Amino acid sequence: PDVTSDFVSARLQKGDDSLETGYPPKALDAWSERLKAWARGGQPDDVPRIDEKAAPKAPRAVSPSVIHEAKGRGPPAAMELIKRLS
């Protein structure tokens, strides 16, 4: 989770097959806030880093992807995440 460049690629892959959207609403809310923090140039407080030194604060491109064991859950999860980012 350490920021090492001017973009962040985040792979969400720990969903719940029993949920229509693949993730509970609170998890999608949390991921939305993390993605926004990275895009603004910050780093989320709830994601542990290897290097304690924070990356320079600068806006970043953020590319999330939703990968899920139950293939049918990925698209609904991505759509729910997009709603939160809009």
C-alpha atoms as a PDB file:
ATOM      1  CA  PRO A   1       0.000   0.000   0.000  1.00  0.00           C
ATOM      2  CA  ASP A   2       2.979   2.371  -0.018  1.00  0.00           C
ATOM      3  CA  VAL A   3       2.694   5.097  -2.634  1.00  0.00           C
ATOM      4  CA  THR A   4       5.763   4.966  -4.856  1.00  0.00           C
ATOM      5  CA  SER A   5       4.672   6.840  -7.995  1.00  0.00           C
ATOM      6  CA  ASP A   6       2.211   9.387  -9.349  1.00  0.00           C
ATOM      7  CA  PHE A   7      -0.537   6.769  -9.663  1.00  0.00           C
ATOM      8  CA  VAL A   8      -2.136   4.143  -7.441  1.00  0.00           C
ATOM      9  CA  SER A   9      -3.524   0.831  -8.654  1.00  0.00           C
ATOM     10  CA  ALA A  10      -5.774  -0.836  -6.078  1.00  0.00           C
ATOM     11  CA  ARG A  11      -7.095  -4.391  -6.494  1.00  0.00           C
ATOM     12  CA  LEU A  12     -10.118  -5.174  -4.335  1.00  0.00           C
ATOM     13  CA  GLN A  13     -10.279  -8.940  -4.169  1.00  0.00           C
ATOM     14  CA  LYS A  14     -11.653  -9.944  -0.766  1.00  0.00           C
ATOM     15  CA  GLY A  15     -15.379  -9.768  -1.419  1.00  0.00           C
ATOM     16  CA  ASP A  16     -18.243 -11.775   0.019  1.00  0.00           C
ATOM     17  CA  ASP A  17     -19.930 -14.187  -2.411  1.00  0.00           C
ATOM     18  CA  SER A  18     -23.159 -14.112  -0.408  1.00  0.00           C
ATOM     19  CA  LEU A  19     -23.673 -10.365  -0.999  1.00  0.00           C
ATOM     20  CA  GLU A  20     -25.262  -9.120  -4.216  1.00  0.00           C
ATOM     21  CA  THR A  21     -22.735  -6.277  -4.453  1.00  0.00           C
ATOM     22  CA  GLY A  22     -19.808  -8.449  -3.369  1.00  0.00           C
ATOM     23  CA  TYR A  23     -18.934  -6.145  -0.451  1.00  0.00           C
ATOM     24  CA  PRO A  24     -20.902  -4.746   2.494  1.00  0.00           C
ATOM     25  CA  PRO A  25     -21.788  -1.042   2.210  1.00  0.00           C
ATOM     26  CA  LYS A  26     -19.324  -0.050   4.963  1.00  0.00           C
ATOM     27  CA  ALA A  27     -16.456  -1.737   3.093  1.00  0.00           C
ATOM     28  CA  LEU A  28     -17.385   0.048  -0.143  1.00  0.00           C
ATOM     29  CA  ASP A  29     -17.584   3.348   1.772  1.00  0.00           C
ATOM     30  CA  ALA A  30     -14.126   2.729   3.249  1.00  0.00           C
ATOM     31  CA  TRP A  31     -12.601   1.884  -0.127  1.00  0.00           C
ATOM     32  CA  SER A  32     -14.184   4.956  -1.650  1.00  0.00           C
ATOM     33  CA  GLU A  33     -12.596   7.170   1.012  1.00  0.00           C
ATOM     34  CA  ARG A  34      -9.199   5.480   0.534  1.00  0.00           C
ATOM     35  CA  LEU A  35      -9.326   6.020  -3.224  1.00  0.00           C
ATOM     36  CA  LYS A  36     -10.284   9.667  -2.741  1.00  0.00           C
ATOM     37  CA  ALA A  37      -7.419  10.175  -0.287  1.00  0.00           C
ATOM     38  CA  TRP A  38      -4.899   8.760  -2.776  1.00  0.00           C
ATOM     39  CA  ALA A  39      -6.352  10.892  -5.602  1.00  0.00           C
ATOM     40  CA  ARG A  40      -6.036  14.056  -3.480  1.00  0.00           C
ATOM     41  CA  GLY A  41      -2.399  13.258  -2.835  1.00  0.00           C
ATOM     42  CA  GLY A  42      -2.721  11.862   0.646  1.00  0.00           C
ATOM     43  CA  GLN A  43      -2.624   8.373   2.058  1.00  0.00           C
ATOM     44  CA  PRO A  44      -5.425   6.618   3.945  1.00  0.00           C
ATOM     45  CA  ASP A  45      -4.923   6.361   7.688  1.00  0.00           C
ATOM     46  CA  ASP A  46      -6.348   2.848   7.916  1.00  0.00           C
ATOM     47  CA  VAL A  47      -4.011   1.116   5.437  1.00  0.00           C
ATOM     48  CA  PRO A  48      -0.706   0.041   6.992  1.00  0.00           C
ATOM     49  CA  ARG A  49       2.448   1.000   5.113  1.00  0.00           C
ATOM     50  CA  ILE A  50       5.858  -0.620   5.071  1.00  0.00           C
ATOM     51  CA  ASP A  51       7.726   2.691   5.024  1.00  0.00           C
ATOM     52  CA  GLU A  52       6.627   4.990   7.842  1.00  0.00           C
ATOM     53  CA  LYS A  53       7.634   8.032   5.787  1.00  0.00           C
ATOM     54  CA  ALA A  54       4.667   9.324   3.796  1.00  0.00           C
ATOM     55  CA  ALA A  55       4.975   9.887   0.064  1.00  0.00           C
ATOM     56  CA  PRO A  56       5.112  13.490  -1.152  1.00  0.00           C
ATOM     57  CA  LYS A  57       1.643  15.039  -1.215  1.00  0.00           C
ATOM     58  CA  ALA A  58       0.612  15.433  -4.857  1.00  0.00           C
ATOM     59  CA  PRO A  59      -2.553  14.574  -6.791  1.00  0.00           C
ATOM     60  CA  ARG A  60      -2.467  11.078  -8.266  1.00  0.00           C
ATOM     61  CA  ALA A  61      -4.285   9.041 -10.849  1.00  0.00           C
ATOM     62  CA  VAL A  62      -6.083   6.168  -9.126  1.00  0.00           C
ATOM     63  CA  SER A  63      -7.091   2.965 -10.874  1.00  0.00           C
ATOM     64  CA  PRO A  64      -9.210   0.597  -8.772  1.00  0.00           C
ATOM     65  CA  SER A  65     -10.244  -2.820 -10.012  1.00  0.00           C
ATOM     66  CA  VAL A  66     -12.660  -5.268  -8.452  1.00  0.00           C
ATOM     67  CA  ILE A  67     -11.537  -8.867  -8.727  1.00  0.00           C
ATOM     68  CA  HIS A  68     -13.799 -11.424  -7.168  1.00  0.00           C
ATOM     69  CA  GLU A  69     -13.885 -15.212  -6.906  1.00  0.00           C
ATOM     70  CA  ALA A  70     -17.577 -15.185  -7.823  1.00  0.00           C
ATOM     71  CA  LYS A  71     -17.217 -13.564 -11.243  1.00  0.00           C
ATOM     72  CA  GLY A  72     -20.798 -12.265 -11.213  1.00  0.00           C
ATOM     73  CA  ARG A  73     -20.131 -10.165  -8.099  1.00  0.00           C
ATOM     74  CA  GLY A  74     -17.329  -8.068  -9.596  1.00  0.00           C
ATOM     75  CA  PRO A  75     -19.466  -5.841 -11.865  1.00  0.00           C
ATOM     76  CA  PRO A  76     -22.087  -5.016  -9.183  1.00  0.00           C
ATOM     77  CA  ALA A  77     -19.298  -4.265  -6.704  1.00  0.00           C
ATOM     78  CA  ALA A  78     -17.576  -1.971  -9.207  1.00  0.00           C
ATOM     79  CA  MET A  79     -20.875  -0.185  -9.942  1.00  0.00           C
ATOM     80  CA  GLU A  80     -21.501   0.388  -6.229  1.00  0.00           C
ATOM     81  CA  LEU A  81     -17.972   1.746  -5.831  1.00  0.00           C
ATOM     82  CA  ILE A  82     -18.466   4.098  -8.806  1.00  0.00           C
ATOM     83  CA  LYS A  83     -21.639   5.477  -7.186  1.00  0.00           C
ATOM     84  CA  ARG A  84     -19.640   6.383  -4.111  1.00  0.00           C
ATOM     85  CA  LEU A  85     -16.913   8.069  -6.130  1.00  0.00           C
ATOM     86  CA  SER A  86     -19.243  10.148  -8.275  1.00  0.00           C
END
